[in-house]
Protein backbone atom coordinates (compact mmCIF):
# COMPACT_ATOMS: atom_id res chain seq x y z
CA MET A 1 135.08 95.19 96.17
CA LEU A 2 133.16 94.30 93.27
CA ALA A 3 132.59 91.05 95.08
CA LEU A 4 131.06 92.84 98.07
CA PHE A 5 129.12 94.71 96.32
CA ALA A 6 127.43 91.51 94.37
CA GLY A 7 126.97 89.65 96.99
CA VAL A 8 125.18 92.15 99.09
CA ALA A 9 122.81 93.29 95.72
CA LEU A 10 122.13 89.56 95.09
CA THR A 11 121.21 88.54 98.47
CA ALA A 12 119.08 91.89 99.27
CA TYR A 13 117.00 91.27 95.69
CA ALA A 14 116.45 87.47 96.33
CA VAL A 15 114.96 88.18 99.82
CA ASP A 16 113.10 91.24 98.45
CA VAL A 17 111.74 88.94 95.20
CA VAL A 18 111.25 86.35 97.89
CA SER A 19 109.32 88.50 100.12
CA LYS A 20 107.18 89.64 97.57
CA ILE A 21 106.19 85.44 96.25
CA VAL A 22 105.45 85.11 99.88
CA ALA A 23 103.32 88.27 100.45
CA VAL A 24 100.95 87.68 97.31
CA GLU A 25 100.77 83.86 97.84
CA LYS A 26 100.01 84.24 101.93
CA LEU A 27 97.82 87.97 101.89
CA THR A 28 95.80 88.01 98.65
CA ASP A 29 92.21 88.18 99.45
CA ARG A 30 93.07 87.42 103.04
CA PRO A 31 93.06 89.90 106.46
CA ASP A 32 95.70 91.64 107.50
CA VAL A 33 98.68 90.06 109.86
CA GLU A 34 99.30 91.68 112.45
CA LEU A 35 103.27 91.25 113.62
CA VAL A 36 103.00 93.70 116.65
CA GLY A 37 99.61 94.78 116.90
CA ASP A 38 98.61 97.44 114.95
CA LEU A 39 102.09 98.54 115.29
CA PHE A 40 103.05 96.35 112.10
CA VAL A 41 100.97 95.06 110.13
CA LEU A 42 101.57 92.72 107.31
CA HIS A 43 99.45 94.71 104.24
CA LEU A 44 98.90 93.86 100.56
CA VAL A 45 99.15 96.60 97.87
CA ARG A 46 99.79 96.67 94.37
CA ASN A 47 101.25 99.85 93.81
CA PRO A 48 101.06 101.50 90.91
CA GLY A 49 102.97 104.91 91.41
CA ALA A 50 106.82 105.36 93.42
CA ALA A 51 107.36 105.99 97.26
CA PHE A 52 103.95 107.02 99.00
CA SER A 53 101.83 105.92 95.91
CA THR A 54 102.68 109.48 94.21
CA GLY A 55 102.94 109.47 90.32
CA THR A 56 100.35 106.80 89.61
CA GLY A 57 100.14 108.02 85.97
CA TYR A 58 103.64 107.71 85.46
CA THR A 59 104.78 104.09 85.91
CA GLU A 60 106.32 103.84 82.42
CA ILE A 61 108.57 106.50 83.12
CA PHE A 62 109.40 105.49 86.63
CA SER A 63 110.35 102.08 85.00
CA CYS A 64 112.86 104.24 82.43
CA VAL A 65 114.23 105.95 85.01
CA ALA A 66 114.72 102.82 87.44
CA ILE A 67 116.61 101.20 84.02
CA VAL A 68 119.03 104.32 83.56
CA ALA A 69 119.84 104.13 87.43
CA VAL A 70 120.39 100.24 86.88
CA LEU A 71 122.80 100.87 84.06
CA VAL A 72 124.57 104.26 86.07
CA ILE A 73 125.12 101.64 89.63
CA LEU A 74 126.90 98.66 87.03
CA TYR A 75 129.26 101.32 85.60
CA VAL A 76 129.56 103.57 88.46
CA VAL A 77 130.42 100.31 90.88
CA ARG A 78 133.57 99.51 88.61
CA ARG A 79 135.71 102.47 90.42
CA VAL A 80 134.60 101.40 94.02
CA GLY A 81 137.35 100.64 96.23
CA SER A 82 135.82 101.15 99.57
CA ALA A 83 133.83 98.67 101.32
CA GLY A 84 131.03 101.35 102.59
CA TRP A 85 130.48 102.15 98.58
CA GLY A 86 130.40 98.71 97.84
CA VAL A 87 127.14 97.56 100.34
CA ALA A 88 125.82 101.20 99.41
CA LEU A 89 125.45 100.88 96.12
CA GLY A 90 124.71 96.92 96.73
CA LEU A 91 121.62 97.82 98.35
CA LEU A 92 120.55 100.54 96.10
CA LEU A 93 121.11 98.30 92.83
CA ALA A 94 118.81 95.57 94.63
CA GLY A 95 116.41 97.94 95.85
CA VAL A 96 116.25 99.69 92.19
CA GLY A 97 116.10 96.25 90.55
CA GLY A 98 113.51 94.66 92.70
CA ASN A 99 111.14 97.37 92.62
CA LEU A 100 111.69 97.62 88.43
CA THR A 101 111.55 93.78 88.28
CA ASP A 102 107.83 94.40 89.75
CA ARG A 103 107.40 96.98 86.84
CA LEU A 104 108.50 94.96 84.32
CA VAL A 105 107.14 91.42 85.36
CA ARG A 106 103.89 91.74 87.36
CA GLU A 107 100.50 92.98 86.18
CA PRO A 108 99.30 95.25 84.14
CA GLY A 109 101.93 94.70 81.73
CA PRO A 110 105.78 95.50 80.90
CA LEU A 111 107.29 98.68 82.05
CA ARG A 112 103.50 99.27 83.72
CA GLY A 113 103.62 96.54 86.48
CA HIS A 114 102.45 97.07 89.89
CA VAL A 115 105.21 97.53 92.87
CA ILE A 116 104.13 94.76 95.66
CA ASP A 117 104.17 96.56 98.91
CA PHE A 118 103.07 95.02 101.96
CA PHE A 119 104.45 96.44 105.14
CA MET A 120 102.53 98.61 106.93
CA LEU A 121 103.32 101.28 109.71
CA PRO A 122 100.98 103.33 111.51
CA HIS A 123 101.16 106.88 109.29
CA TRP A 124 103.80 105.72 106.80
CA PRO A 125 103.15 104.45 103.55
CA ILE A 126 103.27 100.64 103.00
CA PHE A 127 106.76 99.66 101.88
CA ASN A 128 108.60 96.06 101.02
CA VAL A 129 111.97 94.86 101.07
CA ALA A 130 113.27 96.93 98.02
CA ASP A 131 112.38 99.97 99.40
CA ILE A 132 114.33 99.57 102.66
CA CYS A 133 116.94 98.66 100.70
CA ILE A 134 116.78 101.95 98.88
CA ASP A 135 116.22 104.09 102.51
CA ALA A 136 119.47 102.38 103.50
CA ALA A 137 121.89 102.55 100.54
CA ALA A 138 120.36 106.44 100.81
CA ILE A 139 121.84 107.06 104.46
CA LEU A 140 125.01 105.06 103.90
CA ILE A 141 125.64 107.01 101.03
CA LEU A 142 125.08 110.35 103.01
CA ILE A 143 127.70 109.32 105.68
CA LEU A 144 130.23 108.11 103.05
CA VAL A 145 129.97 111.47 101.62
CA TYR A 146 129.92 113.82 104.72
CA ARG A 147 132.81 111.59 106.06
CA GLY A 148 134.56 112.40 102.60
CA VAL A 149 134.91 108.57 101.49
CA ARG A 150 135.43 108.84 98.00
CA LEU A 151 134.27 106.31 95.97
CA ASP A 152 137.84 104.30 95.30
CA GLY A 153 138.36 104.51 99.08
CA THR A 154 140.18 107.29 99.76
CA ARG A 155 139.22 110.24 101.57
CA ALA A 156 139.08 113.59 100.33
CA GLN A 157 141.42 116.06 102.27
CA ARG A 158 140.95 119.66 103.40
CA ASP A 159 144.11 120.06 100.81
CA ASP A 160 141.97 118.86 97.91
CA VAL A 161 140.28 122.14 98.02
CA GLU A 162 141.46 125.43 96.07
CA PRO A 163 143.86 127.33 98.81
CA GLU A 164 142.32 131.06 99.13
CA PRO A 165 145.13 133.58 97.66
CA GLU A 166 146.30 134.98 100.31
CA PRO A 167 146.05 138.74 100.49
CA ALA A 168 148.97 140.86 98.57
CA PRO A 169 151.54 142.50 101.49
CA GLU A 170 150.61 145.87 102.58
CA THR A 171 153.31 148.64 101.34
CA THR A 172 154.31 151.41 103.24
CA GLU A 173 155.17 154.64 101.63
């Protein structure tokens, strides 16, 4: 499963990085590009915050949290024996890593860099490929947990839960 994880992570990360390079090159100081009318628009934004542009003053904290998340994913993935978990953690690593890369290499400087966002939908925050990867990973993880699939690929059984003690037999006197 490590190969699947690595393949998903590297492919999704590459798509994110390349899409941001193209977005910066093609959208900087240019009008929005309407792909599907005003339903799906390319609009370049440099986001110093987190999702929904929240926490703009905490970029360094978000960067540190992302570094810890990457390390935790790389530690946990060694136990993965399930294709679903391999894909989910690969997407999560790609998404967190893609946005972390922006925070490390983009202006205004290391740990404070602005994340490149460029997909715009009506009534929704502007986002990027890394955000899509994180959301897809979260949905997949929720499905795996709901279905009882453990990291190693085994399924949690109802027998795994401590049985309730049987009531003491009633005595008649």
